[in-house]
PDB file of all heavy atoms in Angstrom:
ATOM      1  N   ALA A   1      85.598 127.755 126.906  1.00  0.00           N
ATOM      2  CA  ALA A   1      84.472 128.131 126.041  1.00  0.00           C
ATOM      3  C   ALA A   1      84.589 127.511 124.654  1.00  0.00           C
ATOM      4  O   ALA A   1      83.662 126.812 124.204  1.00  0.00           O
ATOM      5  CB  ALA A   1      84.361 129.643 125.975  1.00  0.00           C
ATOM      6  N   PRO A   2      85.685 127.717 123.931  1.00  0.00           N
ATOM      7  CA  PRO A   2      85.737 127.104 122.594  1.00  0.00           C
ATOM      8  C   PRO A   2      85.711 125.579 122.649  1.00  0.00           C
ATOM      9  O   PRO A   2      85.161 124.938 121.742  1.00  0.00           O
ATOM     10  CB  PRO A   2      87.060 127.633 122.027  1.00  0.00           C
ATOM     11  CG  PRO A   2      87.860 128.100 123.198  1.00  0.00           C
ATOM     12  CD  PRO A   2      86.849 128.551 124.190  1.00  0.00           C
ATOM     13  N   ALA A   3      86.302 124.970 123.661  1.00  0.00           N
ATOM     14  CA  ALA A   3      86.306 123.511 123.752  1.00  0.00           C
ATOM     15  C   ALA A   3      84.883 122.974 123.928  1.00  0.00           C
ATOM     16  O   ALA A   3      84.494 121.978 123.286  1.00  0.00           O
ATOM     17  CB  ALA A   3      87.201 123.060 124.905  1.00  0.00           C
ATOM     18  N   VAL A   4      84.117 123.613 124.790  1.00  0.00           N
ATOM     19  CA  VAL A   4      82.734 123.179 125.033  1.00  0.00           C
ATOM     20  C   VAL A   4      81.882 123.378 123.778  1.00  0.00           C
ATOM     21  O   VAL A   4      81.113 122.504 123.378  1.00  0.00           O
ATOM     22  CB  VAL A   4      82.139 123.919 126.228  1.00  0.00           C
ATOM     23  CG1 VAL A   4      80.637 123.668 126.324  1.00  0.00           C
ATOM     24  CG2 VAL A   4      82.815 123.471 127.498  1.00  0.00           C
ATOM     25  N   HIS A   5      82.028 124.554 123.122  1.00  0.00           N
ATOM     26  CA  HIS A   5      81.269 124.810 121.910  1.00  0.00           C
ATOM     27  C   HIS A   5      81.571 123.759 120.848  1.00  0.00           C
ATOM     28  O   HIS A   5      80.663 123.219 120.191  1.00  0.00           O
ATOM     29  CB  HIS A   5      81.611 126.202 121.356  1.00  0.00           C
ATOM     30  CG  HIS A   5      81.128 127.300 122.236  1.00  0.00           C
ATOM     31  ND1 HIS A   5      81.694 128.557 122.240  1.00  0.00           N
ATOM     32  CD2 HIS A   5      80.119 127.357 123.134  1.00  0.00           C
ATOM     33  CE1 HIS A   5      81.072 129.321 123.097  1.00  0.00           C
ATOM     34  NE2 HIS A   5      80.113 128.606 123.664  1.00  0.00           N
ATOM     35  N   LEU A   6      82.863 123.454 120.681  1.00  0.00           N
ATOM     36  CA  LEU A   6      83.270 122.503 119.657  1.00  0.00           C
ATOM     37  C   LEU A   6      82.748 121.108 119.969  1.00  0.00           C
ATOM     38  O   LEU A   6      82.230 120.390 119.100  1.00  0.00           O
ATOM     39  CB  LEU A   6      84.797 122.490 119.553  1.00  0.00           C
ATOM     40  CG  LEU A   6      85.396 121.540 118.502  1.00  0.00           C
ATOM     41  CD1 LEU A   6      84.915 121.915 117.106  1.00  0.00           C
ATOM     42  CD2 LEU A   6      86.912 121.556 118.568  1.00  0.00           C
ATOM     43  N   THR A   7      82.844 120.706 121.269  1.00  0.00           N
ATOM     44  CA  THR A   7      82.370 119.354 121.644  1.00  0.00           C
ATOM     45  C   THR A   7      80.862 119.227 121.399  1.00  0.00           C
ATOM     46  O   THR A   7      80.388 118.215 120.855  1.00  0.00           O
ATOM     47  CB  THR A   7      82.689 119.108 123.131  1.00  0.00           C
ATOM     48  OG1 THR A   7      84.100 119.254 123.346  1.00  0.00           O
ATOM     49  CG2 THR A   7      82.260 117.709 123.538  1.00  0.00           C
ATOM     50  N   ALA A   8      80.083 120.245 121.836  1.00  0.00           N
ATOM     51  CA  ALA A   8      78.631 120.166 121.662  1.00  0.00           C
ATOM     52  C   ALA A   8      78.259 120.202 120.173  1.00  0.00           C
ATOM     53  O   ALA A   8      77.353 119.457 119.744  1.00  0.00           O
ATOM     54  CB  ALA A   8      77.969 121.343 122.396  1.00  0.00           C
ATOM     55  N   ALA A   9      78.954 121.014 119.402  1.00  0.00           N
ATOM     56  CA  ALA A   9      78.646 121.100 117.956  1.00  0.00           C
ATOM     57  C   ALA A   9      78.966 119.788 117.263  1.00  0.00           C
ATOM     58  O   ALA A   9      78.195 119.317 116.400  1.00  0.00           O
ATOM     59  CB  ALA A   9      79.435 122.231 117.323  1.00  0.00           C
ATOM     60  N   LEU A  10      80.104 119.167 117.603  1.00  0.00           N
ATOM     61  CA  LEU A  10      80.466 117.876 117.004  1.00  0.00           C
ATOM     62  C   LEU A  10      79.469 116.796 117.385  1.00  0.00           C
ATOM     63  O   LEU A  10      79.131 115.933 116.568  1.00  0.00           O
ATOM     64  CB  LEU A  10      81.875 117.495 117.438  1.00  0.00           C
ATOM     65  CG  LEU A  10      83.019 118.330 116.833  1.00  0.00           C
ATOM     66  CD1 LEU A  10      84.370 117.915 117.440  1.00  0.00           C
ATOM     67  CD2 LEU A  10      83.053 118.179 115.317  1.00  0.00           C
ATOM     68  N   ALA A  11      79.009 116.825 118.659  1.00  0.00           N
ATOM     69  CA  ALA A  11      78.000 115.827 119.082  1.00  0.00           C
ATOM     70  C   ALA A  11      76.717 116.000 118.299  1.00  0.00           C
ATOM     71  O   ALA A  11      76.107 115.022 117.839  1.00  0.00           O
ATOM     72  CB  ALA A  11      77.738 115.962 120.576  1.00  0.00           C
ATOM     73  N   PHE A  12      76.276 117.271 118.109  1.00  0.00           N
ATOM     74  CA  PHE A  12      75.050 117.549 117.360  1.00  0.00           C
ATOM     75  C   PHE A  12      75.200 117.088 115.913  1.00  0.00           C
ATOM     76  O   PHE A  12      74.339 116.370 115.371  1.00  0.00           O
ATOM     77  CB  PHE A  12      74.762 119.046 117.423  1.00  0.00           C
ATOM     78  CG  PHE A  12      73.529 119.467 116.660  1.00  0.00           C
ATOM     79  CD1 PHE A  12      72.264 119.216 117.156  1.00  0.00           C
ATOM     80  CD2 PHE A  12      73.650 120.080 115.421  1.00  0.00           C
ATOM     81  CE1 PHE A  12      71.127 119.581 116.443  1.00  0.00           C
ATOM     82  CE2 PHE A  12      72.525 120.458 114.717  1.00  0.00           C
ATOM     83  CZ  PHE A  12      71.265 120.221 115.231  1.00  0.00           C
ATOM     84  N   ALA A  13      76.325 117.465 115.290  1.00  0.00           N
ATOM     85  CA  ALA A  13      76.528 117.096 113.892  1.00  0.00           C
ATOM     86  C   ALA A  13      76.695 115.597 113.723  1.00  0.00           C
ATOM     87  O   ALA A  13      76.161 114.995 112.772  1.00  0.00           O
ATOM     88  CB  ALA A  13      77.741 117.830 113.335  1.00  0.00           C
ATOM     89  N   GLY A  14      77.400 114.990 114.661  1.00  0.00           N
ATOM     90  CA  GLY A  14      77.619 113.551 114.560  1.00  0.00           C
ATOM     91  C   GLY A  14      76.336 112.752 114.631  1.00  0.00           C
ATOM     92  O   GLY A  14      76.146 111.788 113.866  1.00  0.00           O
ATOM     93  N   TRP A  15      75.437 113.145 115.504  1.00  0.00           N
ATOM     94  CA  TRP A  15      74.192 112.420 115.626  1.00  0.00           C
ATOM     95  C   TRP A  15      73.266 112.677 114.440  1.00  0.00           C
ATOM     96  O   TRP A  15      72.524 111.775 114.029  1.00  0.00           O
ATOM     97  CB  TRP A  15      73.480 112.797 116.932  1.00  0.00           C
ATOM     98  CG  TRP A  15      74.018 111.994 118.104  1.00  0.00           C
ATOM     99  CD1 TRP A  15      75.017 112.352 118.935  1.00  0.00           C
ATOM    100  CD2 TRP A  15      73.597 110.698 118.473  1.00  0.00           C
ATOM    101  NE1 TRP A  15      75.270 111.353 119.858  1.00  0.00           N
ATOM    102  CE2 TRP A  15      74.407 110.306 119.588  1.00  0.00           C
ATOM    103  CE3 TRP A  15      72.641 109.787 117.999  1.00  0.00           C
ATOM    104  CZ2 TRP A  15      74.250 109.087 120.219  1.00  0.00           C
ATOM    105  CZ3 TRP A  15      72.475 108.578 118.650  1.00  0.00           C
ATOM    106  CH2 TRP A  15      73.290 108.228 119.727  1.00  0.00           C
ATOM    107  N   LEU A  16      73.335 113.878 113.859  1.00  0.00           N
ATOM    108  CA  LEU A  16      72.560 114.118 112.649  1.00  0.00           C
ATOM    109  C   LEU A  16      73.069 113.233 111.517  1.00  0.00           C
ATOM    110  O   LEU A  16      72.289 112.645 110.754  1.00  0.00           O
ATOM    111  CB  LEU A  16      72.672 115.596 112.240  1.00  0.00           C
ATOM    112  CG  LEU A  16      71.829 116.602 113.071  1.00  0.00           C
ATOM    113  CD1 LEU A  16      72.057 117.992 112.543  1.00  0.00           C
ATOM    114  CD2 LEU A  16      70.342 116.239 112.981  1.00  0.00           C
ATOM    115  N   ILE A  17      74.384 113.140 111.382  1.00  0.00           N
ATOM    116  CA  ILE A  17      74.960 112.309 110.339  1.00  0.00           C
ATOM    117  C   ILE A  17      74.608 110.837 110.569  1.00  0.00           C
ATOM    118  O   ILE A  17      74.385 110.061 109.625  1.00  0.00           O
ATOM    119  CB  ILE A  17      76.488 112.492 110.296  1.00  0.00           C
ATOM    120  CG1 ILE A  17      76.828 113.931 109.864  1.00  0.00           C
ATOM    121  CG2 ILE A  17      77.155 111.496 109.365  1.00  0.00           C
ATOM    122  CD1 ILE A  17      78.285 114.281 109.959  1.00  0.00           C
ATOM    123  N   ALA A  18      74.530 110.441 111.855  1.00  0.00           N
ATOM    124  CA  ALA A  18      74.217 109.050 112.172  1.00  0.00           C
ATOM    125  C   ALA A  18      72.750 108.721 111.955  1.00  0.00           C
ATOM    126  O   ALA A  18      72.336 107.558 112.103  1.00  0.00           O
ATOM    127  CB  ALA A  18      74.605 108.750 113.624  1.00  0.00           C
ATOM    128  N   GLY A  19      71.940 109.743 111.613  1.00  0.00           N
ATOM    129  CA  GLY A  19      70.551 109.473 111.297  1.00  0.00           C
ATOM    130  C   GLY A  19      69.551 109.863 112.358  1.00  0.00           C
ATOM    131  O   GLY A  19      68.332 109.661 112.188  1.00  0.00           O
ATOM    132  N   ALA A  20      70.031 110.444 113.453  1.00  0.00           N
ATOM    133  CA  ALA A  20      69.112 110.878 114.499  1.00  0.00           C
ATOM    134  C   ALA A  20      68.363 112.134 114.044  1.00  0.00           C
ATOM    135  O   ALA A  20      68.848 112.907 113.215  1.00  0.00           O
ATOM    136  CB  ALA A  20      69.863 111.161 115.798  1.00  0.00           C
ATOM    137  N   GLY A  21      67.208 112.384 114.601  1.00  0.00           N
ATOM    138  CA  GLY A  21      66.471 113.590 114.296  1.00  0.00           C
ATOM    139  C   GLY A  21      67.074 114.803 114.971  1.00  0.00           C
ATOM    140  O   GLY A  21      67.914 114.711 115.880  1.00  0.00           O
ATOM    141  N   VAL A  22      66.585 115.997 114.517  1.00  0.00           N
ATOM    142  CA  VAL A  22      67.088 117.242 115.086  1.00  0.00           C
ATOM    143  C   VAL A  22      66.800 117.312 116.590  1.00  0.00           C
ATOM    144  O   VAL A  22      67.638 117.757 117.383  1.00  0.00           O
ATOM    145  CB  VAL A  22      66.478 118.458 114.365  1.00  0.00           C
ATOM    146  CG1 VAL A  22      66.860 119.768 115.054  1.00  0.00           C
ATOM    147  CG2 VAL A  22      66.907 118.479 112.917  1.00  0.00           C
ATOM    148  N   HIS A  23      65.624 116.835 116.977  1.00  0.00           N
ATOM    149  CA  HIS A  23      65.228 116.886 118.396  1.00  0.00           C
ATOM    150  C   HIS A  23      66.179 116.085 119.260  1.00  0.00           C
ATOM    151  O   HIS A  23      66.699 116.573 120.257  1.00  0.00           O
ATOM    152  CB  HIS A  23      63.793 116.362 118.525  1.00  0.00           C
ATOM    153  CG  HIS A  23      63.288 116.395 119.943  1.00  0.00           C
ATOM    154  ND1 HIS A  23      63.455 115.361 120.825  1.00  0.00           N
ATOM    155  CD2 HIS A  23      62.583 117.366 120.615  1.00  0.00           C
ATOM    156  CE1 HIS A  23      62.902 115.677 121.991  1.00  0.00           C
ATOM    157  NE2 HIS A  23      62.369 116.880 121.873  1.00  0.00           N
ATOM    158  N   GLN A  24      66.473 114.861 118.865  1.00  0.00           N
ATOM    159  CA  GLN A  24      67.363 114.027 119.655  1.00  0.00           C
ATOM    160  C   GLN A  24      68.795 114.580 119.649  1.00  0.00           C
ATOM    161  O   GLN A  24      69.451 114.619 120.702  1.00  0.00           O
ATOM    162  CB  GLN A  24      67.371 112.598 119.107  1.00  0.00           C
ATOM    163  CG  GLN A  24      68.223 111.641 119.956  1.00  0.00           C
ATOM    164  CD  GLN A  24      68.296 110.227 119.384  1.00  0.00           C
ATOM    165  OE1 GLN A  24      67.699 109.966 118.353  1.00  0.00           O
ATOM    166  NE2 GLN A  24      69.015 109.359 120.042  1.00  0.00           N
ATOM    167  N   ALA A  25      69.254 115.026 118.471  1.00  0.00           N
ATOM    168  CA  ALA A  25      70.607 115.580 118.392  1.00  0.00           C
ATOM    169  C   ALA A  25      70.735 116.821 119.262  1.00  0.00           C
ATOM    170  O   ALA A  25      71.798 117.038 119.901  1.00  0.00           O
ATOM    171  CB  ALA A  25      70.968 115.890 116.927  1.00  0.00           C
ATOM    172  N   LEU A  26      69.678 117.623 119.281  1.00  0.00           N
ATOM    173  CA  LEU A  26      69.738 118.842 120.083  1.00  0.00           C
ATOM    174  C   LEU A  26      69.746 118.504 121.564  1.00  0.00           C
ATOM    175  O   LEU A  26      70.478 119.143 122.360  1.00  0.00           O
ATOM    176  CB  LEU A  26      68.548 119.743 119.735  1.00  0.00           C
ATOM    177  CG  LEU A  26      68.556 121.176 120.306  1.00  0.00           C
ATOM    178  CD1 LEU A  26      69.823 121.893 119.868  1.00  0.00           C
ATOM    179  CD2 LEU A  26      67.329 121.939 119.875  1.00  0.00           C
ATOM    180  N   LEU A  27      68.965 117.504 121.979  1.00  0.00           N
ATOM    181  CA  LEU A  27      68.975 117.085 123.390  1.00  0.00           C
ATOM    182  C   LEU A  27      70.357 116.607 123.817  1.00  0.00           C
ATOM    183  O   LEU A  27      70.848 116.913 124.919  1.00  0.00           O
ATOM    184  CB  LEU A  27      67.946 115.985 123.608  1.00  0.00           C
ATOM    185  CG  LEU A  27      66.489 116.390 123.673  1.00  0.00           C
ATOM    186  CD1 LEU A  27      65.618 115.146 123.862  1.00  0.00           C
ATOM    187  CD2 LEU A  27      66.235 117.383 124.798  1.00  0.00           C
ATOM    188  N   ILE A  28      71.030 115.881 122.959  1.00  0.00           N
ATOM    189  CA  ILE A  28      72.392 115.395 123.279  1.00  0.00           C
ATOM    190  C   ILE A  28      73.350 116.560 123.376  1.00  0.00           C
ATOM    191  O   ILE A  28      74.209 116.614 124.276  1.00  0.00           O
ATOM    192  CB  ILE A  28      72.830 114.380 122.217  1.00  0.00           C
ATOM    193  CG1 ILE A  28      71.982 113.106 122.347  1.00  0.00           C
ATOM    194  CG2 ILE A  28      74.326 114.056 122.374  1.00  0.00           C
ATOM    195  CD1 ILE A  28      72.207 112.105 121.222  1.00  0.00           C
ATOM    196  N   ALA A  29      73.231 117.543 122.473  1.00  0.00           N
ATOM    197  CA  ALA A  29      74.114 118.709 122.525  1.00  0.00           C
ATOM    198  C   ALA A  29      73.888 119.501 123.804  1.00  0.00           C
ATOM    199  O   ALA A  29      74.849 119.982 124.446  1.00  0.00           O
ATOM    200  CB  ALA A  29      73.859 119.591 121.290  1.00  0.00           C
ATOM    201  N   VAL A  30      72.608 119.637 124.216  1.00  0.00           N
ATOM    202  CA  VAL A  30      72.315 120.329 125.461  1.00  0.00           C
ATOM    203  C   VAL A  30      72.917 119.570 126.640  1.00  0.00           C
ATOM    204  O   VAL A  30      73.486 120.170 127.564  1.00  0.00           O
ATOM    205  CB  VAL A  30      70.791 120.497 125.634  1.00  0.00           C
ATOM    206  CG1 VAL A  30      70.460 120.964 127.045  1.00  0.00           C
ATOM    207  CG2 VAL A  30      70.252 121.476 124.623  1.00  0.00           C
ATOM    208  N   ALA A  31      72.784 118.246 126.624  1.00  0.00           N
ATOM    209  CA  ALA A  31      73.359 117.447 127.716  1.00  0.00           C
ATOM    210  C   ALA A  31      74.860 117.644 127.787  1.00  0.00           C
ATOM    211  O   ALA A  31      75.425 117.712 128.890  1.00  0.00           O
ATOM    212  CB  ALA A  31      73.016 115.970 127.495  1.00  0.00           C
ATOM    213  N   VAL A  32      75.512 117.719 126.628  1.00  0.00           N
ATOM    214  CA  VAL A  32      76.975 117.963 126.623  1.00  0.00           C
ATOM    215  C   VAL A  32      77.277 119.310 127.225  1.00  0.00           C
ATOM    216  O   VAL A  32      78.215 119.460 128.037  1.00  0.00           O
ATOM    217  CB  VAL A  32      77.510 117.848 125.185  1.00  0.00           C
ATOM    218  CG1 VAL A  32      78.953 118.317 125.141  1.00  0.00           C
ATOM    219  CG2 VAL A  32      77.419 116.419 124.678  1.00  0.00           C
ATOM    220  N   LEU A  33      76.512 120.339 126.849  1.00  0.00           N
ATOM    221  CA  LEU A  33      76.745 121.668 127.387  1.00  0.00           C
ATOM    222  C   LEU A  33      76.598 121.687 128.901  1.00  0.00           C
ATOM    223  O   LEU A  33      77.373 122.325 129.619  1.00  0.00           O
ATOM    224  CB  LEU A  33      75.786 122.691 126.740  1.00  0.00           C
ATOM    225  CG  LEU A  33      76.116 123.126 125.318  1.00  0.00           C
ATOM    226  CD1 LEU A  33      74.959 123.948 124.761  1.00  0.00           C
ATOM    227  CD2 LEU A  33      77.411 123.930 125.252  1.00  0.00           C
ATOM    228  N   LEU A  34      75.553 121.018 129.410  1.00  0.00           N
ATOM    229  CA  LEU A  34      75.318 121.014 130.848  1.00  0.00           C
ATOM    230  C   LEU A  34      76.329 120.166 131.597  1.00  0.00           C
ATOM    231  O   LEU A  34      76.833 120.572 132.662  1.00  0.00           O
ATOM    232  CB  LEU A  34      73.894 120.501 131.123  1.00  0.00           C
ATOM    233  CG  LEU A  34      72.735 121.392 130.720  1.00  0.00           C
ATOM    234  CD1 LEU A  34      71.411 120.724 131.078  1.00  0.00           C
ATOM    235  CD2 LEU A  34      72.839 122.750 131.360  1.00  0.00           C
ATOM    236  N   ILE A  35      76.631 118.990 131.078  1.00  0.00           N
ATOM    237  CA  ILE A  35      77.485 118.076 131.834  1.00  0.00           C
ATOM    238  C   ILE A  35      78.930 118.559 131.863  1.00  0.00           C
ATOM    239  O   ILE A  35      79.694 118.189 132.740  1.00  0.00           O
ATOM    240  CB  ILE A  35      77.405 116.653 131.238  1.00  0.00           C
ATOM    241  CG1 ILE A  35      77.636 115.614 132.343  1.00  0.00           C
ATOM    242  CG2 ILE A  35      78.392 116.467 130.078  1.00  0.00           C
ATOM    243  CD1 ILE A  35      77.179 114.235 131.993  1.00  0.00           C
ATOM    244  N   THR A  36      79.305 119.409 130.899  1.00  0.00           N
ATOM    245  CA  THR A  36      80.655 119.981 130.903  1.00  0.00           C
ATOM    246  C   THR A  36      80.712 121.306 131.640  1.00  0.00           C
ATOM    247  O   THR A  36      81.759 121.942 131.639  1.00  0.00           O
ATOM    248  CB  THR A  36      81.139 120.203 129.449  1.00  0.00           C
ATOM    249  OG1 THR A  36      80.181 120.997 128.753  1.00  0.00           O
ATOM    250  CG2 THR A  36      81.337 118.900 128.727  1.00  0.00           C
ATOM    251  N   CYS A  37      79.626 121.677 132.292  1.00  0.00           N
ATOM    252  CA  CYS A  37      79.665 122.897 133.113  1.00  0.00           C
ATOM    253  C   CYS A  37      80.793 122.774 134.125  1.00  0.00           C
ATOM    254  O   CYS A  37      80.935 121.758 134.810  1.00  0.00           O
ATOM    255  CB  CYS A  37      78.350 123.109 133.826  1.00  0.00           C
ATOM    256  SG  CYS A  37      78.384 124.478 134.994  1.00  0.00           S
ATOM    257  N   PRO A  38      81.621 123.805 134.278  1.00  0.00           N
ATOM    258  CA  PRO A  38      82.805 123.687 135.134  1.00  0.00           C
ATOM    259  C   PRO A  38      82.494 123.879 136.614  1.00  0.00           C
ATOM    260  O   PRO A  38      83.319 124.385 137.354  1.00  0.00           O
ATOM    261  CB  PRO A  38      83.688 124.808 134.627  1.00  0.00           C
ATOM    262  CG  PRO A  38      82.730 125.870 134.163  1.00  0.00           C
ATOM    263  CD  PRO A  38      81.569 125.121 133.598  1.00  0.00           C
ATOM    264  N   CYS A  39      81.294 123.454 137.060  1.00  0.00           N
ATOM    265  CA  CYS A  39      80.953 123.666 138.479  1.00  0.00           C
ATOM    266  C   CYS A  39      81.914 122.915 139.389  1.00  0.00           C
ATOM    267  O   CYS A  39      82.394 123.461 140.381  1.00  0.00           O
ATOM    268  CB  CYS A  39      79.508 123.227 138.755  1.00  0.00           C
ATOM    269  SG  CYS A  39      78.297 124.426 138.177  1.00  0.00           S
ATOM    270  N   ALA A  40      82.171 121.616 139.111  1.00  0.00           N
ATOM    271  CA  ALA A  40      83.047 120.847 139.970  1.00  0.00           C
ATOM    272  C   ALA A  40      84.451 121.429 139.966  1.00  0.00           C
ATOM    273  O   ALA A  40      85.092 121.577 141.002  1.00  0.00           O
ATOM    274  CB  ALA A  40      83.068 119.387 139.530  1.00  0.00           C
TER     275      ALA A  40
END
């Protein structure tokens, strides 16, 4: 749980700093949350 939260938060913040909009940064953070789902 903390690892996933930290990874998604860093991805969101990193893309905002890189100049992406909130919408794009949020989509990337959501993708990180989903792709790191421990289903496998």
